[in-house]
C-alpha atoms as a PDB file:
ATOM      1  CA  MET A   1     -16.833   1.578  27.257  1.00  0.00           C
ATOM      2  CA  PRO A   2     -15.230   0.705  23.916  1.00  0.00           C
ATOM      3  CA  LEU A   3     -11.828   2.279  23.336  1.00  0.00           C
ATOM      4  CA  SER A   4     -10.514   2.718  19.797  1.00  0.00           C
ATOM      5  CA  VAL A   5      -7.506   4.206  18.019  1.00  0.00           C
ATOM      6  CA  LEU A   6      -7.024   6.775  15.287  1.00  0.00           C
ATOM      7  CA  ASP A   7      -3.517   6.789  13.844  1.00  0.00           C
ATOM      8  CA  LEU A   8      -2.385   9.235  11.167  1.00  0.00           C
ATOM      9  CA  SER A   9       0.998   7.637  10.357  1.00  0.00           C
ATOM     10  CA  PHE A  10       2.794  10.728  11.589  1.00  0.00           C
ATOM     11  CA  VAL A  11       6.362  11.148  10.368  1.00  0.00           C
ATOM     12  CA  THR A  12       8.712  11.992  13.230  1.00  0.00           C
ATOM     13  CA  ALA A  13      11.842  14.141  13.031  1.00  0.00           C
ATOM     14  CA  GLY A  14      14.853  12.155  11.837  1.00  0.00           C
ATOM     15  CA  HIS A  15      12.739   9.259  10.555  1.00  0.00           C
ATOM     16  CA  SER A  16      11.195   8.326   7.217  1.00  0.00           C
ATOM     17  CA  GLY A  17       7.725   7.960   5.765  1.00  0.00           C
ATOM     18  CA  PRO A  18       8.090   4.185   5.310  1.00  0.00           C
ATOM     19  CA  GLU A  19       9.021   3.914   8.984  1.00  0.00           C
ATOM     20  CA  ALA A  20       5.849   5.808   9.883  1.00  0.00           C
ATOM     21  CA  LEU A  21       3.696   3.457   7.790  1.00  0.00           C
ATOM     22  CA  ARG A  22       5.278   0.357   9.300  1.00  0.00           C
ATOM     23  CA  GLY A  23       4.851   1.919  12.728  1.00  0.00           C
ATOM     24  CA  THR A  24       1.104   2.259  12.142  1.00  0.00           C
ATOM     25  CA  ILE A  25       0.816  -1.444  11.310  1.00  0.00           C
ATOM     26  CA  ASP A  26       2.932  -2.341  14.344  1.00  0.00           C
ATOM     27  CA  LEU A  27       0.727  -0.196  16.588  1.00  0.00           C
ATOM     28  CA  ALA A  28      -2.383  -1.859  15.172  1.00  0.00           C
ATOM     29  CA  ARG A  29      -1.038  -5.285  16.116  1.00  0.00           C
ATOM     30  CA  HIS A  30      -0.266  -3.968  19.593  1.00  0.00           C
ATOM     31  CA  VAL A  31      -3.702  -2.500  20.324  1.00  0.00           C
ATOM     32  CA  ASP A  32      -5.411  -5.514  18.765  1.00  0.00           C
ATOM     33  CA  ALA A  33      -3.762  -7.641  21.446  1.00  0.00           C
ATOM     34  CA  LEU A  34      -4.837  -5.094  24.095  1.00  0.00           C
ATOM     35  CA  GLY A  35      -8.507  -5.486  23.166  1.00  0.00           C
ATOM     36  CA  PHE A  36      -9.209  -2.117  21.525  1.00  0.00           C
ATOM     37  CA  ALA A  37     -12.394  -2.026  19.480  1.00  0.00           C
ATOM     38  CA  ARG A  38     -11.354  -0.221  16.274  1.00  0.00           C
ATOM     39  CA  PHE A  39      -8.300   1.063  14.486  1.00  0.00           C
ATOM     40  CA  TRP A  40      -8.902   3.852  11.975  1.00  0.00           C
ATOM     41  CA  VAL A  41      -6.493   5.508   9.559  1.00  0.00           C
ATOM     42  CA  ALA A  42      -6.910   8.887   7.898  1.00  0.00           C
ATOM     43  CA  GLU A  43      -6.511  10.525   4.507  1.00  0.00           C
ATOM     44  CA  HIS A  44      -4.290  13.602   4.225  1.00  0.00           C
ATOM     45  CA  HIS A  45      -2.362  14.979   1.274  1.00  0.00           C
ATOM     46  CA  ASN A  46       0.690  17.184   0.758  1.00  0.00           C
ATOM     47  CA  LEU A  47       1.599  17.203   4.453  1.00  0.00           C
ATOM     48  CA  PRO A  48       5.240  16.380   5.328  1.00  0.00           C
ATOM     49  CA  SER A  49       4.078  15.231   8.767  1.00  0.00           C
ATOM     50  CA  VAL A  50       1.655  12.543   7.479  1.00  0.00           C
ATOM     51  CA  ALA A  51       2.876   9.530   5.520  1.00  0.00           C
ATOM     52  CA  SER A  52      -0.407   8.070   4.259  1.00  0.00           C
ATOM     53  CA  GLY A  53      -2.946   9.499   1.856  1.00  0.00           C
ATOM     54  CA  ALA A  54      -4.482   6.092   1.104  1.00  0.00           C
ATOM     55  CA  PRO A  55      -6.641   4.778   3.972  1.00  0.00           C
ATOM     56  CA  ASP A  56      -8.054   1.924   1.894  1.00  0.00           C
ATOM     57  CA  ILE A  57      -4.583   0.528   1.194  1.00  0.00           C
ATOM     58  CA  MET A  58      -3.501   0.974   4.809  1.00  0.00           C
ATOM     59  CA  ALA A  59      -6.711  -0.649   6.051  1.00  0.00           C
ATOM     60  CA  GLY A  60      -6.060  -3.709   3.914  1.00  0.00           C
ATOM     61  CA  GLN A  61      -2.525  -4.056   5.250  1.00  0.00           C
ATOM     62  CA  ILE A  62      -3.706  -3.641   8.854  1.00  0.00           C
ATOM     63  CA  LEU A  63      -6.536  -6.146   8.434  1.00  0.00           C
ATOM     64  CA  ALA A  64      -4.025  -8.681   7.144  1.00  0.00           C
ATOM     65  CA  ALA A  65      -1.708  -8.042  10.113  1.00  0.00           C
ATOM     66  CA  THR A  66      -4.349  -8.232  12.863  1.00  0.00           C
ATOM     67  CA  ARG A  67      -6.809 -10.837  14.061  1.00  0.00           C
ATOM     68  CA  ARG A  68      -9.836  -9.297  15.789  1.00  0.00           C
ATOM     69  CA  ILE A  69      -9.918  -5.500  15.779  1.00  0.00           C
ATOM     70  CA  ARG A  70     -12.244  -3.602  13.423  1.00  0.00           C
ATOM     71  CA  VAL A  71     -10.318  -1.533  10.890  1.00  0.00           C
ATOM     72  CA  GLY A  72     -11.517   1.423   8.908  1.00  0.00           C
ATOM     73  CA  SER A  73     -11.092   4.876   7.503  1.00  0.00           C
ATOM     74  CA  GLY A  74     -11.180   7.946   9.644  1.00  0.00           C
ATOM     75  CA  GLY A  75     -11.796   8.797   6.989  1.00  0.00           C
ATOM     76  CA  VAL A  76     -12.079   8.615   3.241  1.00  0.00           C
ATOM     77  CA  MET A  77     -12.421  12.226   2.097  1.00  0.00           C
ATOM     78  CA  LEU A  78     -15.339  11.722  -0.267  1.00  0.00           C
ATOM     79  CA  PRO A  79     -14.864  14.959  -2.280  1.00  0.00           C
ATOM     80  CA  ASN A  80     -11.583  13.488  -3.572  1.00  0.00           C
ATOM     81  CA  HIS A  81     -13.032  10.263  -4.953  1.00  0.00           C
ATOM     82  CA  ALA A  82     -15.603   8.893  -7.334  1.00  0.00           C
ATOM     83  CA  PRO A  83     -18.245   7.196  -5.151  1.00  0.00           C
ATOM     84  CA  LEU A  84     -18.110   4.094  -7.360  1.00  0.00           C
ATOM     85  CA  MET A  85     -14.403   3.684  -6.586  1.00  0.00           C
ATOM     86  CA  VAL A  86     -15.020   4.012  -2.843  1.00  0.00           C
ATOM     87  CA  ALA A  87     -17.841   1.457  -3.032  1.00  0.00           C
ATOM     88  CA  GLU A  88     -15.688  -1.032  -4.957  1.00  0.00           C
ATOM     89  CA  ARG A  89     -12.673  -0.788  -2.674  1.00  0.00           C
ATOM     90  CA  PHE A  90     -14.578  -1.089   0.579  1.00  0.00           C
ATOM     91  CA  LYS A  91     -16.746  -3.912  -0.726  1.00  0.00           C
ATOM     92  CA  VAL A  92     -13.556  -5.783  -1.551  1.00  0.00           C
ATOM     93  CA  LEU A  93     -12.241  -5.187   1.979  1.00  0.00           C
ATOM     94  CA  GLU A  94     -15.552  -6.321   3.466  1.00  0.00           C
ATOM     95  CA  ALA A  95     -15.542  -9.441   1.281  1.00  0.00           C
ATOM     96  CA  LEU A  96     -12.035 -10.365   2.400  1.00  0.00           C
ATOM     97  CA  TYR A  97     -12.520  -9.488   6.084  1.00  0.00           C
ATOM     98  CA  PRO A  98     -16.271  -9.764   6.759  1.00  0.00           C
ATOM     99  CA  GLY A  99     -17.488  -7.989   9.866  1.00  0.00           C
ATOM    100  CA  ARG A 100     -14.199  -6.216  10.545  1.00  0.00           C
ATOM    101  CA  VAL A 101     -14.372  -3.149   8.264  1.00  0.00           C
ATOM    102  CA  ASP A 102     -15.705   0.382   8.861  1.00  0.00           C
ATOM    103  CA  LEU A 103     -16.208   3.095   6.260  1.00  0.00           C
ATOM    104  CA  GLY A 104     -15.775   6.544   7.772  1.00  0.00           C
ATOM    105  CA  LEU A 105     -16.428   9.445   5.407  1.00  0.00           C
ATOM    106  CA  GLY A 106     -15.355  13.069   5.587  1.00  0.00           C
ATOM    107  CA  ARG A 107     -16.438  16.099   3.575  1.00  0.00           C
ATOM    108  CA  ALA A 108     -13.154  18.035   3.737  1.00  0.00           C
ATOM    109  CA  PRO A 109     -10.415  17.409   1.156  1.00  0.00           C
ATOM    110  CA  GLY A 110      -7.769  16.585   3.774  1.00  0.00           C
ATOM    111  CA  SER A 111      -5.321  18.852   2.003  1.00  0.00           C
ATOM    112  CA  ASP A 112      -4.467  22.376   0.977  1.00  0.00           C
ATOM    113  CA  GLN A 113      -6.341  24.034  -1.872  1.00  0.00           C
ATOM    114  CA  LEU A 114      -3.738  23.240  -4.536  1.00  0.00           C
ATOM    115  CA  ALA A 115      -3.607  19.539  -3.674  1.00  0.00           C
ATOM    116  CA  SER A 116      -7.394  19.482  -3.574  1.00  0.00           C
ATOM    117  CA  ILE A 117      -7.505  20.806  -7.142  1.00  0.00           C
ATOM    118  CA  ALA A 118      -4.954  18.209  -8.256  1.00  0.00           C
ATOM    119  CA  LEU A 119      -7.019  15.429  -6.667  1.00  0.00           C
ATOM    120  CA  ARG A 120     -10.228  16.462  -8.413  1.00  0.00           C
ATOM    121  CA  ARG A 121      -9.140  18.032 -11.703  1.00  0.00           C
ATOM    122  CA  ARG A 122      -9.819  14.897 -13.769  1.00  0.00           C
ATOM    123  CA  GLN A 123     -13.277  14.354 -12.259  1.00  0.00           C
ATOM    124  CA  ASN A 124     -14.981  17.152 -14.229  1.00  0.00           C
ATOM    125  CA  VAL A 125     -16.919  18.519 -11.259  1.00  0.00           C
ATOM    126  CA  GLU A 126     -17.893  21.982 -10.149  1.00  0.00           C
ATOM    127  CA  PRO A 127     -15.852  23.533  -7.338  1.00  0.00           C
ATOM    128  CA  GLU A 128     -18.753  23.930  -4.881  1.00  0.00           C
ATOM    129  CA  ASP A 129     -19.364  21.493  -2.049  1.00  0.00           C
ATOM    130  CA  ASP A 130     -20.943  18.366  -3.577  1.00  0.00           C
ATOM    131  CA  PHE A 131     -20.426  16.054  -0.603  1.00  0.00           C
ATOM    132  CA  LEU A 132     -24.130  15.322  -0.159  1.00  0.00           C
ATOM    133  CA  ASP A 133     -24.544  14.359  -3.825  1.00  0.00           C
ATOM    134  CA  ARG A 134     -21.548  12.039  -3.598  1.00  0.00           C
ATOM    135  CA  LEU A 135     -22.839  10.502  -0.376  1.00  0.00           C
ATOM    136  CA  ARG A 136     -26.238   9.796  -1.940  1.00  0.00           C
ATOM    137  CA  GLU A 137     -24.535   8.223  -4.948  1.00  0.00           C
ATOM    138  CA  LEU A 138     -22.314   6.045  -2.763  1.00  0.00           C
ATOM    139  CA  MET A 139     -25.295   4.820  -0.754  1.00  0.00           C
ATOM    140  CA  ALA A 140     -27.283   4.118  -3.926  1.00  0.00           C
ATOM    141  CA  PHE A 141     -24.443   1.963  -5.237  1.00  0.00           C
ATOM    142  CA  ASP A 142     -24.962  -0.081  -2.072  1.00  0.00           C
ATOM    143  CA  ASP A 143     -28.747  -0.238  -1.687  1.00  0.00           C
ATOM    144  CA  GLY A 144     -29.835   0.229  -5.326  1.00  0.00           C
ATOM    145  CA  ARG A 145     -32.185   3.112  -4.550  1.00  0.00           C
ATOM    146  CA  TRP A 146     -31.664   5.058  -7.751  1.00  0.00           C
ATOM    147  CA  ALA A 147     -34.207   7.191  -9.527  1.00  0.00           C
ATOM    148  CA  PRO A 148     -35.957   5.058 -12.169  1.00  0.00           C
ATOM    149  CA  ASP A 149     -34.227   6.895 -15.022  1.00  0.00           C
ATOM    150  CA  HIS A 150     -30.766   7.176 -13.446  1.00  0.00           C
ATOM    151  CA  PRO A 151     -28.116   5.752 -15.814  1.00  0.00           C
ATOM    152  CA  PHE A 152     -25.971   4.430 -12.944  1.00  0.00           C
ATOM    153  CA  ARG A 153     -28.682   1.988 -11.852  1.00  0.00           C
ATOM    154  CA  LYS A 154     -27.285  -0.376 -14.507  1.00  0.00           C
ATOM    155  CA  ILE A 155     -23.864  -0.520 -12.816  1.00  0.00           C
ATOM    156  CA  GLN A 156     -23.088  -3.523 -10.645  1.00  0.00           C
ATOM    157  CA  VAL A 157     -20.535  -2.899  -7.907  1.00  0.00           C
ATOM    158  CA  MET A 158     -18.449  -5.983  -7.428  1.00  0.00           C
ATOM    159  CA  PRO A 159     -18.671  -8.165  -5.497  1.00  0.00           C
ATOM    160  CA  VAL A 160     -22.432  -7.868  -5.885  1.00  0.00           C
ATOM    161  CA  ASP A 161     -23.239 -10.181  -2.949  1.00  0.00           C
ATOM    162  CA  VAL A 162     -21.473  -7.990  -0.378  1.00  0.00           C
ATOM    163  CA  ARG A 163     -22.887  -4.866   1.254  1.00  0.00           C
ATOM    164  CA  LEU A 164     -20.800  -1.870   2.202  1.00  0.00           C
ATOM    165  CA  PRO A 165     -19.364  -1.978   5.724  1.00  0.00           C
ATOM    166  CA  PRO A 166     -20.973   0.194   8.421  1.00  0.00           C
ATOM    167  CA  LEU A 167     -20.988   3.898   7.572  1.00  0.00           C
ATOM    168  CA  PHE A 168     -19.814   6.710   9.833  1.00  0.00           C
ATOM    169  CA  LEU A 169     -19.741  10.393   9.026  1.00  0.00           C
ATOM    170  CA  LEU A 170     -16.816  12.316  10.457  1.00  0.00           C
ATOM    171  CA  GLY A 171     -17.153  15.879  11.577  1.00  0.00           C
ATOM    172  CA  SER A 172     -15.537  18.833  13.287  1.00  0.00           C
ATOM    173  CA  SER A 173     -18.686  20.989  13.090  1.00  0.00           C
ATOM    174  CA  GLY A 174     -22.417  20.580  13.548  1.00  0.00           C
ATOM    175  CA  TYR A 175     -23.160  19.784   9.882  1.00  0.00           C
ATOM    176  CA  SER A 176     -22.005  16.156   9.883  1.00  0.00           C
ATOM    177  CA  ALA A 177     -23.670  15.586  13.259  1.00  0.00           C
ATOM    178  CA  ARG A 178     -27.045  16.655  11.890  1.00  0.00           C
ATOM    179  CA  LEU A 179     -26.602  14.777   8.607  1.00  0.00           C
ATOM    180  CA  SER A 180     -25.509  11.579  10.394  1.00  0.00           C
ATOM    181  CA  ALA A 181     -28.612  11.777  12.562  1.00  0.00           C
ATOM    182  CA  GLN A 182     -30.879  12.458   9.598  1.00  0.00           C
ATOM    183  CA  ILE A 183     -29.725   9.475   7.517  1.00  0.00           C
ATOM    184  CA  GLY A 184     -29.281   7.153  10.502  1.00  0.00           C
ATOM    185  CA  VAL A 185     -25.563   6.294  10.486  1.00  0.00           C
ATOM    186  CA  GLY A 186     -22.751   6.474  13.023  1.00  0.00           C
ATOM    187  CA  PHE A 187     -21.036   9.769  13.836  1.00  0.00           C
ATOM    188  CA  ALA A 188     -17.466  10.526  14.912  1.00  0.00           C
ATOM    189  CA  PHE A 189     -16.553  13.980  16.210  1.00  0.00           C
ATOM    190  CA  ALA A 190     -12.942  15.130  15.821  1.00  0.00           C
ATOM    191  CA  HIS A 191     -12.486  16.957  19.109  1.00  0.00           C
ATOM    192  CA  HIS A 192      -8.702  16.636  18.747  1.00  0.00           C
ATOM    193  CA  PHE A 193      -8.706  19.506  16.232  1.00  0.00           C
ATOM    194  CA  ALA A 194     -12.249  20.890  16.134  1.00  0.00           C
ATOM    195  CA  THR A 195     -13.096  24.416  17.200  1.00  0.00           C
ATOM    196  CA  HIS A 196     -16.845  23.709  17.155  1.00  0.00           C
ATOM    197  CA  ASP A 197     -18.492  23.042  20.520  1.00  0.00           C
ATOM    198  CA  VAL A 198     -18.225  19.339  21.256  1.00  0.00           C
ATOM    199  CA  LEU A 199     -21.457  19.223  23.258  1.00  0.00           C
ATOM    200  CA  ASP A 200     -23.477  20.800  20.465  1.00  0.00           C
ATOM    201  CA  ALA A 201     -22.219  18.239  17.938  1.00  0.00           C
ATOM    202  CA  MET A 202     -22.501  15.136  20.103  1.00  0.00           C
ATOM    203  CA  LEU A 203     -25.852  15.934  21.702  1.00  0.00           C
ATOM    204  CA  SER A 204     -27.532  17.228  18.546  1.00  0.00           C
ATOM    205  CA  TYR A 205     -26.594  13.970  16.801  1.00  0.00           C
ATOM    206  CA  ARG A 206     -28.168  11.911  19.567  1.00  0.00           C
ATOM    207  CA  GLU A 207     -31.283  14.071  19.863  1.00  0.00           C
ATOM    208  CA  GLY A 208     -31.941  14.147  16.110  1.00  0.00           C
ATOM    209  CA  PHE A 209     -31.100  10.531  15.287  1.00  0.00           C
ATOM    210  CA  GLN A 210     -33.517   8.717  12.967  1.00  0.00           C
ATOM    211  CA  PRO A 211     -33.269   4.891  12.942  1.00  0.00           C
ATOM    212  CA  SER A 212     -32.444   3.406   9.545  1.00  0.00           C
ATOM    213  CA  GLU A 213     -31.508   0.154   7.872  1.00  0.00           C
ATOM    214  CA  HIS A 214     -27.911   1.085   8.659  1.00  0.00           C
ATOM    215  CA  LEU A 215     -28.289   1.671  12.393  1.00  0.00           C
ATOM    216  CA  GLU A 216     -31.150   1.182  14.854  1.00  0.00           C
ATOM    217  CA  LYS A 217     -29.914   3.574  17.540  1.00  0.00           C
ATOM    218  CA  PRO A 218     -27.298   6.342  17.605  1.00  0.00           C
ATOM    219  CA  HIS A 219     -23.619   5.526  17.957  1.00  0.00           C
ATOM    220  CA  ALA A 220     -21.460   8.566  18.688  1.00  0.00           C
ATOM    221  CA  ILE A 221     -17.679   8.276  18.748  1.00  0.00           C
ATOM    222  CA  LEU A 222     -15.652  11.017  20.424  1.00  0.00           C
ATOM    223  CA  ALA A 223     -12.122  11.326  19.026  1.00  0.00           C
ATOM    224  CA  LEU A 224      -9.630  12.767  21.523  1.00  0.00           C
ATOM    225  CA  SER A 225      -5.923  13.485  21.627  1.00  0.00           C
ATOM    226  CA  VAL A 226      -4.512  11.721  24.707  1.00  0.00           C
ATOM    227  CA  VAL A 227      -0.995  11.399  26.073  1.00  0.00           C
ATOM    228  CA  CYS A 228      -0.836   9.012  29.022  1.00  0.00           C
ATOM    229  CA  ALA A 229       2.325   8.020  30.898  1.00  0.00           C
ATOM    230  CA  GLN A 230       3.141   6.517  34.267  1.00  0.00           C
ATOM    231  CA  THR A 231       3.281   9.972  35.870  1.00  0.00           C
ATOM    232  CA  ASP A 232       1.899  13.409  35.104  1.00  0.00           C
ATOM    233  CA  ALA A 233       5.450  14.719  34.740  1.00  0.00           C
ATOM    234  CA  GLU A 234       6.439  12.122  32.138  1.00  0.00           C
ATOM    235  CA  ALA A 235       3.230  12.720  30.203  1.00  0.00           C
ATOM    236  CA  GLU A 236       3.959  16.443  30.157  1.00  0.00           C
ATOM    237  CA  ARG A 237       7.451  15.759  28.798  1.00  0.00           C
ATOM    238  CA  LEU A 238       6.051  13.627  25.979  1.00  0.00           C
ATOM    239  CA  ALA A 239       3.271  16.117  25.225  1.00  0.00           C
ATOM    240  CA  ALA A 240       5.788  18.877  24.526  1.00  0.00           C
ATOM    241  CA  SER A 241       6.086  17.343  21.034  1.00  0.00           C
ATOM    242  CA  VAL A 242       2.326  17.714  20.574  1.00  0.00           C
ATOM    243  CA  ASP A 243       2.412  21.316  21.756  1.00  0.00           C
ATOM    244  CA  LEU A 244       5.129  22.360  19.317  1.00  0.00           C
ATOM    245  CA  SER A 245       3.497  20.466  16.448  1.00  0.00           C
ATOM    246  CA  HIS A 246       0.195  22.259  16.991  1.00  0.00           C
ATOM    247  CA  LEU A 247       1.947  25.605  17.276  1.00  0.00           C
ATOM    248  CA  ARG A 248       3.715  25.035  13.961  1.00  0.00           C
ATOM    249  CA  ARG A 249       0.518  23.910  12.262  1.00  0.00           C
ATOM    250  CA  GLN A 250      -1.227  27.036  13.441  1.00  0.00           C
ATOM    251  CA  ARG A 251       1.452  28.939  11.518  1.00  0.00           C
ATOM    252  CA  GLY A 252       1.037  26.793   8.403  1.00  0.00           C
ATOM    253  CA  SER A 253       4.056  24.516   8.956  1.00  0.00           C
ATOM    254  CA  PHE A 254       3.358  20.772   8.910  1.00  0.00           C
ATOM    255  CA  ALA A 255       6.848  19.552   9.738  1.00  0.00           C
ATOM    256  CA  PRO A 256       7.477  16.066  11.154  1.00  0.00           C
ATOM    257  CA  ILE A 257       6.718  15.550  14.849  1.00  0.00           C
ATOM    258  CA  PRO A 258       9.628  16.972  16.889  1.00  0.00           C
ATOM    259  CA  SER A 259      11.307  15.110  19.729  1.00  0.00           C
ATOM    260  CA  PRO A 260      10.560  16.163  23.316  1.00  0.00           C
ATOM    261  CA  GLU A 261      14.126  17.485  23.514  1.00  0.00           C
ATOM    262  CA  GLU A 262      13.632  19.681  20.447  1.00  0.00           C
ATOM    263  CA  ALA A 263      10.331  20.915  21.837  1.00  0.00           C
ATOM    264  CA  ALA A 264      11.868  21.703  25.233  1.00  0.00           C
ATOM    265  CA  ALA A 265      14.625  23.757  23.594  1.00  0.00           C
ATOM    266  CA  TYR A 266      12.282  25.783  21.375  1.00  0.00           C
ATOM    267  CA  PRO A 267      12.308  29.562  22.089  1.00  0.00           C
ATOM    268  CA  TYR A 268       8.611  30.040  22.906  1.00  0.00           C
ATOM    269  CA  THR A 269       7.193  33.540  23.177  1.00  0.00           C
ATOM    270  CA  GLU A 270       4.475  34.485  25.619  1.00  0.00           C
ATOM    271  CA  ALA A 271       2.000  34.417  22.719  1.00  0.00           C
ATOM    272  CA  ASP A 272       3.185  30.890  21.867  1.00  0.00           C
ATOM    273  CA  ARG A 273       2.631  29.721  25.424  1.00  0.00           C
ATOM    274  CA  ALA A 274      -0.820  31.297  25.486  1.00  0.00           C
ATOM    275  CA  PHE A 275      -1.736  29.416  22.298  1.00  0.00           C
ATOM    276  CA  ILE A 276      -0.477  26.139  23.805  1.00  0.00           C
ATOM    277  CA  ARG A 277      -2.530  26.677  26.962  1.00  0.00           C
ATOM    278  CA  ARG A 278      -5.661  27.228  24.870  1.00  0.00           C
ATOM    279  CA  ASN A 279      -4.895  24.234  22.647  1.00  0.00           C
ATOM    280  CA  ARG A 280      -4.509  21.978  25.692  1.00  0.00           C
ATOM    281  CA  GLU A 281      -8.294  22.096  25.970  1.00  0.00           C
ATOM    282  CA  ARG A 282      -8.211  19.593  23.086  1.00  0.00           C
ATOM    283  CA  VAL A 283      -5.347  17.440  24.459  1.00  0.00           C
ATOM    284  CA  LEU A 284      -5.690  15.267  27.549  1.00  0.00           C
ATOM    285  CA  VAL A 285      -2.293  14.822  29.216  1.00  0.00           C
ATOM    286  CA  GLY A 286      -1.319  13.035  32.429  1.00  0.00           C
ATOM    287  CA  GLY A 287      -0.779   9.888  34.406  1.00  0.00           C
ATOM    288  CA  PRO A 288      -3.501   7.221  34.665  1.00  0.00           C
ATOM    289  CA  GLU A 289      -5.538   8.944  37.395  1.00  0.00           C
ATOM    290  CA  THR A 290      -5.459  12.311  35.623  1.00  0.00           C
ATOM    291  CA  VAL A 291      -6.429  10.788  32.280  1.00  0.00           C
ATOM    292  CA  ALA A 292      -9.192   8.636  33.778  1.00  0.00           C
ATOM    293  CA  ALA A 293     -10.733  11.692  35.440  1.00  0.00           C
ATOM    294  CA  GLY A 294     -10.548  13.644  32.164  1.00  0.00           C
ATOM    295  CA  LEU A 295     -12.092  10.857  30.110  1.00  0.00           C
ATOM    296  CA  ASN A 296     -14.931  10.435  32.598  1.00  0.00           C
ATOM    297  CA  ARG A 297     -15.682  14.160  32.385  1.00  0.00           C
ATOM    298  CA  PHE A 298     -15.992  13.837  28.623  1.00  0.00           C
ATOM    299  CA  LEU A 299     -18.193  10.755  28.952  1.00  0.00           C
ATOM    300  CA  ALA A 300     -20.512  12.441  31.436  1.00  0.00           C
ATOM    301  CA  THR A 301     -21.027  15.554  29.316  1.00  0.00           C
ATOM    302  CA  THR A 302     -20.957  14.269  25.721  1.00  0.00           C
ATOM    303  CA  LEU A 303     -22.784  10.929  26.273  1.00  0.00           C
ATOM    304  CA  ALA A 304     -20.257   9.311  23.923  1.00  0.00           C
ATOM    305  CA  ASP A 305     -20.841   5.655  23.080  1.00  0.00           C
ATOM    306  CA  GLU A 306     -17.163   5.137  22.289  1.00  0.00           C
ATOM    307  CA  LEU A 307     -13.853   6.934  22.751  1.00  0.00           C
ATOM    308  CA  MET A 308     -11.326   7.013  19.914  1.00  0.00           C
ATOM    309  CA  VAL A 309      -7.836   8.091  20.924  1.00  0.00           C
ATOM    310  CA  THR A 310      -5.030   9.544  18.872  1.00  0.00           C
ATOM    311  CA  THR A 311      -1.581   9.930  20.429  1.00  0.00           C
ATOM    312  CA  PRO A 312       0.680  12.032  18.180  1.00  0.00           C
ATOM    313  CA  ILE A 313       3.916  11.722  20.145  1.00  0.00           C
ATOM    314  CA  TYR A 314       7.478  11.162  19.026  1.00  0.00           C
ATOM    315  CA  ASP A 315       8.557   7.876  20.620  1.00  0.00           C
ATOM    316  CA  PRO A 316       6.726   4.790  19.258  1.00  0.00           C
ATOM    317  CA  GLU A 317       7.418   2.806  22.413  1.00  0.00           C
ATOM    318  CA  ALA A 318       6.008   5.593  24.585  1.00  0.00           C
ATOM    319  CA  LYS A 319       2.969   5.646  22.297  1.00  0.00           C
ATOM    320  CA  LYS A 320       2.461   1.914  22.822  1.00  0.00           C
ATOM    321  CA  ARG A 321       2.821   2.379  26.574  1.00  0.00           C
ATOM    322  CA  SER A 322       0.206   5.149  26.486  1.00  0.00           C
ATOM    323  CA  TYR A 323      -2.293   2.746  24.925  1.00  0.00           C
ATOM    324  CA  GLU A 324      -1.365   0.022  27.416  1.00  0.00           C
ATOM    325  CA  LEU A 325      -2.189   2.380  30.283  1.00  0.00           C
ATOM    326  CA  LEU A 326      -5.477   3.332  28.595  1.00  0.00           C
ATOM    327  CA  ALA A 327      -6.395  -0.337  28.269  1.00  0.00           C
ATOM    328  CA  GLU A 328      -5.779  -0.752  32.007  1.00  0.00           C
ATOM    329  CA  LEU A 329      -8.084   2.223  32.688  1.00  0.00           C
ATOM    330  CA  ARG A 330     -11.148   0.687  31.042  1.00  0.00           C
ATOM    331  CA  PRO A 331     -12.675  -0.575  34.328  1.00  0.00           C
ATOM    332  CA  ALA A 332     -12.445   2.987  35.706  1.00  0.00           C
ATOM    333  CA  LEU A 333     -14.331   4.574  32.798  1.00  0.00           C
ATOM    334  CA  ARG A 334     -18.004   5.267  33.492  1.00  0.00           C
ATOM    335  CA  PRO A 335     -20.304   5.559  30.470  1.00  0.00           C
ATOM    336  CA  ALA A 336     -23.212   7.920  30.967  1.00  0.00           C
ATOM    337  CA  GLN A 337     -26.363   5.837  31.526  1.00  0.00           C
ATOM    338  CA  THR A 338     -28.377   7.770  28.964  1.00  0.00           C
ATOM    339  CA  ALA A 339     -25.761   7.005  26.288  1.00  0.00           C
ATOM    340  CA  THR A 340     -26.583   3.301  26.362  1.00  0.00           C
ATOM    341  CA  ALA A 341     -30.281   3.412  27.202  1.00  0.00           C
END
C-alpha cells in the first residue's frame, strides 16, 4: 500500500511564513528517506495559515532537495491560471526531473471570492465555471488534439520533446470523480475537508473508469488527516491544535495553527465540542494500533489504491514522528483485493 504526503506549508503560531516553507522542504527530505511514494503541495491564497500559493515553485525546490520521491501539486487550481502557463511550467519540471513529477489539478480557486477575482481579473474570462474548457485546453497543449481551425494549434509548448507528467484530478465532491473516470486519469479525494460521501466519490470513480492513453486502470488516492503518536493520549494532545484550527475555520478565521497548550486553554462551548466531535470523522487520531485499524477500515470500504496523509499539527518534530510511525505501519495495512485486481 503506497503511502504519500500532502503538506500545505501551514504557518504555526509564533512562527513565520518562511519557516513554514523551509519546514515543508525539510519534511519532504524526511519522508523521502522513509520511503513514501509522493509528496504533494497545495495552492491557497489570502490565508494567514498557509504560506505557499505557488505549488510549481515549491515542487521545484522539493525535487531539488530530494532523491527518489515523486513530487507534485495537490493541486494547481486551474481556474486561476492560463493552461499554457501550467503546461510550460510542469513540462519544465518533468524535463529536469523525469519520472518524478505529478500534476494534480483542482477546479476550486483555493481562495476567497475577492482573491479569486484578483487572480483572474487580467485573464478576460467570464465568471462562470470554465474548468472543463481549461482542462481540455491544457490536455490539447500536451497531445496536440486541437480542432483543425483552432488558432492555438500553432503554439509549441517548450520543451516540445517532453510530455506533461501524469495527471490527477482532485475533488471533494462527486464531479471530479466522474470526470476523472470519464477522461481516464488519476483521482484524489480530499476526505480531510470534504463533506461529500467518500464512498460515493471513490467507488463511482472506479466503476466508471475508462482506460486512456494517460492511464490503463483506475488509480484512486484517498487523502486523510492523520495524527499518529506513540500513544493514544499523546496523539489526542497533539490533535487539539487540529480541532481548534478547524473550529476557527468554520467561523471564517484562518489563523496560524495554535499550539496544543493554546488549544487546551481555549474556552470551548458545548456547541464547539459538538462541532469537534463531528469533525473528528475526518481526522484519524491515535497511537499506531488505533491508526492502523482506522486506515484499514478506510481501505476496506473505499478500495483506495493509495493513501495520502496530511498532518496539520503544531510541532514539526512531532509531525516527523507521526510519519515515521506511519512508515512502520505499512506492513499492517491491508489493501482491498478488488482495488488491485
